[in-house]
Amino acid sequence: MLRRRMIQMAGALLLLGVLAHSVAAMPPGPEVEVLIETTETVLGQGFAYPEGQARITAERITVPPGALLPPHLHPVPLFAYVLQGELIVDYGSEGEIVYQKGDALVEAIDWPHQGRSGGRGKLVLLAVYAGAEGVPNTVPAPLR
C-alpha cells in the first residue's frame, strides 16, 4: 500500500514538473487592459443598440489645436478613446467634461454637445460607433 502511494506521488510530481516546464517554455500571452466597461454614457444614460442591421464604424478623428467642432448629437452608442491631446466637451445644461490622452468614454446618446481641442497640440480620437444601417452616427443639433 505504501509502495503504491509512493509511486502515485512520484507520478504526480513528474506530471507537475512536465507541466511547469511546458508552461515556462510557452511564449507570454497577450496583455489585456480594459479601457472601459460600463452600462451608462458619460451623462449616466443607459443605452441600447439601434434596431436593424448592425453596423460598426471605427474612425480616427484628428482635430487641430483650438478647433471647435459644430454642435451635434449621436443617435447610436459611441465609444471614444483619446489617443492624443485634450478634448473638452460642452454638454449644455449638463456642463463641460475634459478628457485627456488615455481617457475612454461612452458618449451621450441623443444629447446635443460640442467638442473642442484643448491644449497646444492636436487632438486625436478613436471613435467606434455601434450603429445600424440607415441610422446616422452623428447629426447636427443645437446645444440645450
C-alpha atoms as a PDB file:
ATOM      1  CA  MET A   1       0.000   0.000   0.000  1.00  0.00           C
ATOM      2  CA  LEU A   2       2.804   2.411   0.938  1.00  0.00           C
ATOM      3  CA  ARG A   3       4.734   1.483  -2.186  1.00  0.00           C
ATOM      4  CA  ARG A   4       1.667   2.189  -4.344  1.00  0.00           C
ATOM      5  CA  ARG A   5       1.232   5.629  -2.716  1.00  0.00           C
ATOM      6  CA  MET A   6       4.905   6.427  -3.279  1.00  0.00           C
ATOM      7  CA  ILE A   7       4.572   5.511  -6.969  1.00  0.00           C
ATOM      8  CA  GLN A   8       1.414   7.666  -7.291  1.00  0.00           C
ATOM      9  CA  MET A   9       3.149  10.619  -5.627  1.00  0.00           C
ATOM     10  CA  ALA A  10       6.204  10.224  -7.830  1.00  0.00           C
ATOM     11  CA  GLY A  11       3.955  10.141 -10.906  1.00  0.00           C
ATOM     12  CA  ALA A  12       2.116  13.256  -9.726  1.00  0.00           C
ATOM     13  CA  LEU A  13       5.403  15.100  -9.125  1.00  0.00           C
ATOM     14  CA  LEU A  14       6.673  14.062 -12.551  1.00  0.00           C
ATOM     15  CA  LEU A  15       3.459  15.332 -14.164  1.00  0.00           C
ATOM     16  CA  LEU A  16       3.752  18.649 -12.301  1.00  0.00           C
ATOM     17  CA  GLY A  17       7.360  19.001 -13.453  1.00  0.00           C
ATOM     18  CA  VAL A  18       6.397  18.366 -17.073  1.00  0.00           C
ATOM     19  CA  LEU A  19       3.527  20.877 -16.853  1.00  0.00           C
ATOM     20  CA  ALA A  20       5.726  23.516 -15.201  1.00  0.00           C
ATOM     21  CA  HIS A  21       8.374  23.057 -17.901  1.00  0.00           C
ATOM     22  CA  SER A  22       5.722  23.287 -20.656  1.00  0.00           C
ATOM     23  CA  VAL A  23       4.233  26.478 -19.211  1.00  0.00           C
ATOM     24  CA  ALA A  24       7.686  28.052 -18.792  1.00  0.00           C
ATOM     25  CA  ALA A  25       8.539  27.231 -22.411  1.00  0.00           C
ATOM     26  CA  MET A  26       5.376  28.870 -23.769  1.00  0.00           C
ATOM     27  CA  PRO A  27       5.651  32.447 -25.067  1.00  0.00           C
ATOM     28  CA  PRO A  28       3.860  35.014 -22.913  1.00  0.00           C
ATOM     29  CA  GLY A  29       0.189  35.593 -23.761  1.00  0.00           C
ATOM     30  CA  PRO A  30      -1.315  38.920 -24.745  1.00  0.00           C
ATOM     31  CA  GLU A  31      -1.610  41.649 -22.147  1.00  0.00           C
ATOM     32  CA  VAL A  32      -5.201  42.848 -21.883  1.00  0.00           C
ATOM     33  CA  GLU A  33      -6.116  46.235 -20.441  1.00  0.00           C
ATOM     34  CA  VAL A  34      -9.820  47.011 -20.105  1.00  0.00           C
ATOM     35  CA  LEU A  35     -10.235  50.620 -21.223  1.00  0.00           C
ATOM     36  CA  ILE A  36     -13.856  50.909 -20.142  1.00  0.00           C
ATOM     37  CA  GLU A  37     -16.670  48.618 -19.109  1.00  0.00           C
ATOM     38  CA  THR A  38     -19.956  50.357 -18.462  1.00  0.00           C
ATOM     39  CA  THR A  39     -23.708  50.241 -18.901  1.00  0.00           C
ATOM     40  CA  GLU A  40     -24.032  54.047 -18.951  1.00  0.00           C
ATOM     41  CA  THR A  41     -22.939  57.016 -21.039  1.00  0.00           C
ATOM     42  CA  VAL A  42     -20.916  59.938 -19.658  1.00  0.00           C
ATOM     43  CA  LEU A  43     -24.214  61.562 -18.615  1.00  0.00           C
ATOM     44  CA  GLY A  44     -25.445  58.444 -16.802  1.00  0.00           C
ATOM     45  CA  GLN A  45     -27.831  57.326 -19.559  1.00  0.00           C
ATOM     46  CA  GLY A  46     -28.451  53.639 -20.130  1.00  0.00           C
ATOM     47  CA  PHE A  47     -28.059  52.620 -23.751  1.00  0.00           C
ATOM     48  CA  ALA A  48     -29.268  50.023 -26.219  1.00  0.00           C
ATOM     49  CA  TYR A  49     -28.199  49.239 -29.728  1.00  0.00           C
ATOM     50  CA  PRO A  50     -30.403  50.505 -32.564  1.00  0.00           C
ATOM     51  CA  GLU A  51     -32.728  48.048 -34.251  1.00  0.00           C
ATOM     52  CA  GLY A  52     -31.990  46.859 -37.752  1.00  0.00           C
ATOM     53  CA  GLN A  53     -28.890  45.523 -39.478  1.00  0.00           C
ATOM     54  CA  ALA A  54     -25.974  46.204 -37.108  1.00  0.00           C
ATOM     55  CA  ARG A  55     -23.117  48.360 -38.407  1.00  0.00           C
ATOM     56  CA  ILE A  56     -19.830  49.074 -36.631  1.00  0.00           C
ATOM     57  CA  THR A  57     -17.897  52.153 -37.757  1.00  0.00           C
ATOM     58  CA  ALA A  58     -14.414  52.959 -36.439  1.00  0.00           C
ATOM     59  CA  GLU A  59     -12.907  56.379 -37.136  1.00  0.00           C
ATOM     60  CA  ARG A  60      -9.655  58.089 -36.276  1.00  0.00           C
ATOM     61  CA  ILE A  61     -10.521  61.766 -35.867  1.00  0.00           C
ATOM     62  CA  THR A  62      -7.788  64.431 -35.864  1.00  0.00           C
ATOM     63  CA  VAL A  63      -8.685  67.943 -34.709  1.00  0.00           C
ATOM     64  CA  PRO A  64      -6.263  70.908 -34.995  1.00  0.00           C
ATOM     65  CA  PRO A  65      -5.240  72.732 -31.798  1.00  0.00           C
ATOM     66  CA  GLY A  66      -8.004  75.030 -30.514  1.00  0.00           C
ATOM     67  CA  ALA A  67     -10.537  73.938 -33.158  1.00  0.00           C
ATOM     68  CA  LEU A  68     -14.224  73.999 -32.210  1.00  0.00           C
ATOM     69  CA  LEU A  69     -16.430  71.239 -33.609  1.00  0.00           C
ATOM     70  CA  PRO A  70     -20.029  72.006 -34.620  1.00  0.00           C
ATOM     71  CA  PRO A  71     -22.797  71.145 -32.120  1.00  0.00           C
ATOM     72  CA  HIS A  72     -24.126  67.644 -32.789  1.00  0.00           C
ATOM     73  CA  LEU A  73     -25.572  64.522 -31.216  1.00  0.00           C
ATOM     74  CA  HIS A  74     -25.199  60.775 -31.657  1.00  0.00           C
ATOM     75  CA  PRO A  75     -28.337  58.634 -32.070  1.00  0.00           C
ATOM     76  CA  VAL A  76     -26.218  55.466 -31.651  1.00  0.00           C
ATOM     77  CA  PRO A  77     -23.793  54.265 -28.940  1.00  0.00           C
ATOM     78  CA  LEU A  78     -20.293  55.677 -29.370  1.00  0.00           C
ATOM     79  CA  PHE A  79     -17.121  54.500 -27.630  1.00  0.00           C
ATOM     80  CA  ALA A  80     -14.325  57.071 -27.821  1.00  0.00           C
ATOM     81  CA  TYR A  81     -10.691  56.914 -26.745  1.00  0.00           C
ATOM     82  CA  VAL A  82      -8.381  59.938 -26.592  1.00  0.00           C
ATOM     83  CA  LEU A  83      -5.185  58.880 -28.353  1.00  0.00           C
ATOM     84  CA  GLN A  84      -3.522  62.293 -28.158  1.00  0.00           C
ATOM     85  CA  GLY A  85      -4.246  65.754 -26.803  1.00  0.00           C
ATOM     86  CA  GLU A  86      -7.176  67.074 -24.821  1.00  0.00           C
ATOM     87  CA  LEU A  87     -10.906  67.015 -25.632  1.00  0.00           C
ATOM     88  CA  ILE A  88     -13.262  69.456 -23.934  1.00  0.00           C
ATOM     89  CA  VAL A  89     -16.953  68.700 -24.433  1.00  0.00           C
ATOM     90  CA  ASP A  90     -19.733  71.166 -23.627  1.00  0.00           C
ATOM     91  CA  TYR A  91     -22.946  69.285 -22.784  1.00  0.00           C
ATOM     92  CA  GLY A  92     -25.009  72.481 -22.449  1.00  0.00           C
ATOM     93  CA  SER A  93     -27.087  72.389 -19.261  1.00  0.00           C
ATOM     94  CA  GLU A  94     -25.091  69.343 -18.073  1.00  0.00           C
ATOM     95  CA  GLY A  95     -21.810  71.294 -18.057  1.00  0.00           C
ATOM     96  CA  GLU A  96     -18.380  70.550 -19.529  1.00  0.00           C
ATOM     97  CA  ILE A  97     -16.175  67.484 -19.218  1.00  0.00           C
ATOM     98  CA  VAL A  98     -12.450  67.463 -20.017  1.00  0.00           C
ATOM     99  CA  TYR A  99     -10.891  64.281 -21.405  1.00  0.00           C
ATOM    100  CA  GLN A 100      -7.134  63.711 -21.573  1.00  0.00           C
ATOM    101  CA  LYS A 101      -4.909  61.330 -23.519  1.00  0.00           C
ATOM    102  CA  GLY A 102      -5.731  57.782 -22.376  1.00  0.00           C
ATOM    103  CA  ASP A 103      -9.333  58.546 -21.335  1.00  0.00           C
ATOM    104  CA  ALA A 104     -12.085  56.244 -22.604  1.00  0.00           C
ATOM    105  CA  LEU A 105     -15.777  57.120 -22.651  1.00  0.00           C
ATOM    106  CA  VAL A 106     -19.196  56.141 -23.931  1.00  0.00           C
ATOM    107  CA  GLU A 107     -20.591  59.374 -25.342  1.00  0.00           C
ATOM    108  CA  ALA A 108     -24.027  60.779 -24.519  1.00  0.00           C
ATOM    109  CA  ILE A 109     -26.800  59.492 -26.777  1.00  0.00           C
ATOM    110  CA  ASP A 110     -29.342  61.873 -28.304  1.00  0.00           C
ATOM    111  CA  TRP A 111     -27.882  64.711 -26.211  1.00  0.00           C
ATOM    112  CA  PRO A 112     -26.534  67.768 -28.062  1.00  0.00           C
ATOM    113  CA  HIS A 113     -22.926  68.595 -27.267  1.00  0.00           C
ATOM    114  CA  GLN A 114     -19.970  70.440 -28.750  1.00  0.00           C
ATOM    115  CA  GLY A 115     -16.341  69.431 -28.514  1.00  0.00           C
ATOM    116  CA  ARG A 116     -13.155  71.388 -28.907  1.00  0.00           C
ATOM    117  CA  SER A 117      -9.474  70.634 -28.945  1.00  0.00           C
ATOM    118  CA  GLY A 118      -7.863  71.913 -25.758  1.00  0.00           C
ATOM    119  CA  GLY A 119      -4.196  72.437 -25.110  1.00  0.00           C
ATOM    120  CA  ARG A 120      -1.479  73.308 -27.604  1.00  0.00           C
ATOM    121  CA  GLY A 121      -1.293  70.110 -29.624  1.00  0.00           C
ATOM    122  CA  LYS A 122      -3.679  68.414 -31.973  1.00  0.00           C
ATOM    123  CA  LEU A 123      -6.429  66.143 -30.660  1.00  0.00           C
ATOM    124  CA  VAL A 124      -6.606  62.574 -31.971  1.00  0.00           C
ATOM    125  CA  LEU A 125      -9.598  60.387 -31.094  1.00  0.00           C
ATOM    126  CA  LEU A 126     -10.567  56.811 -31.849  1.00  0.00           C
ATOM    127  CA  ALA A 127     -14.348  56.730 -32.282  1.00  0.00           C
ATOM    128  CA  VAL A 128     -16.200  53.407 -32.570  1.00  0.00           C
ATOM    129  CA  TYR A 129     -19.924  53.623 -33.313  1.00  0.00           C
ATOM    130  CA  ALA A 130     -22.263  50.682 -32.640  1.00  0.00           C
ATOM    131  CA  GLY A 131     -24.880  51.722 -35.158  1.00  0.00           C
ATOM    132  CA  ALA A 132     -27.282  50.288 -37.685  1.00  0.00           C
ATOM    133  CA  GLU A 133     -27.786  50.546 -41.437  1.00  0.00           C
ATOM    134  CA  GLY A 134     -29.828  53.656 -42.263  1.00  0.00           C
ATOM    135  CA  VAL A 135     -29.148  55.334 -38.892  1.00  0.00           C
ATOM    136  CA  PRO A 136     -26.593  58.181 -38.976  1.00  0.00           C
ATOM    137  CA  ASN A 137     -23.780  58.074 -36.419  1.00  0.00           C
ATOM    138  CA  THR A 138     -23.788  61.852 -35.931  1.00  0.00           C
ATOM    139  CA  VAL A 139     -26.330  64.579 -36.727  1.00  0.00           C
ATOM    140  CA  PRO A 140     -26.176  68.386 -36.320  1.00  0.00           C
ATOM    141  CA  ALA A 141     -28.073  69.705 -33.273  1.00  0.00           C
ATOM    142  CA  PRO A 142     -28.210  72.957 -31.278  1.00  0.00           C
ATOM    143  CA  LEU A 143     -26.971  72.866 -27.661  1.00  0.00           C
ATOM    144  CA  ARG A 144     -29.592  72.651 -24.901  1.00  0.00           C
END
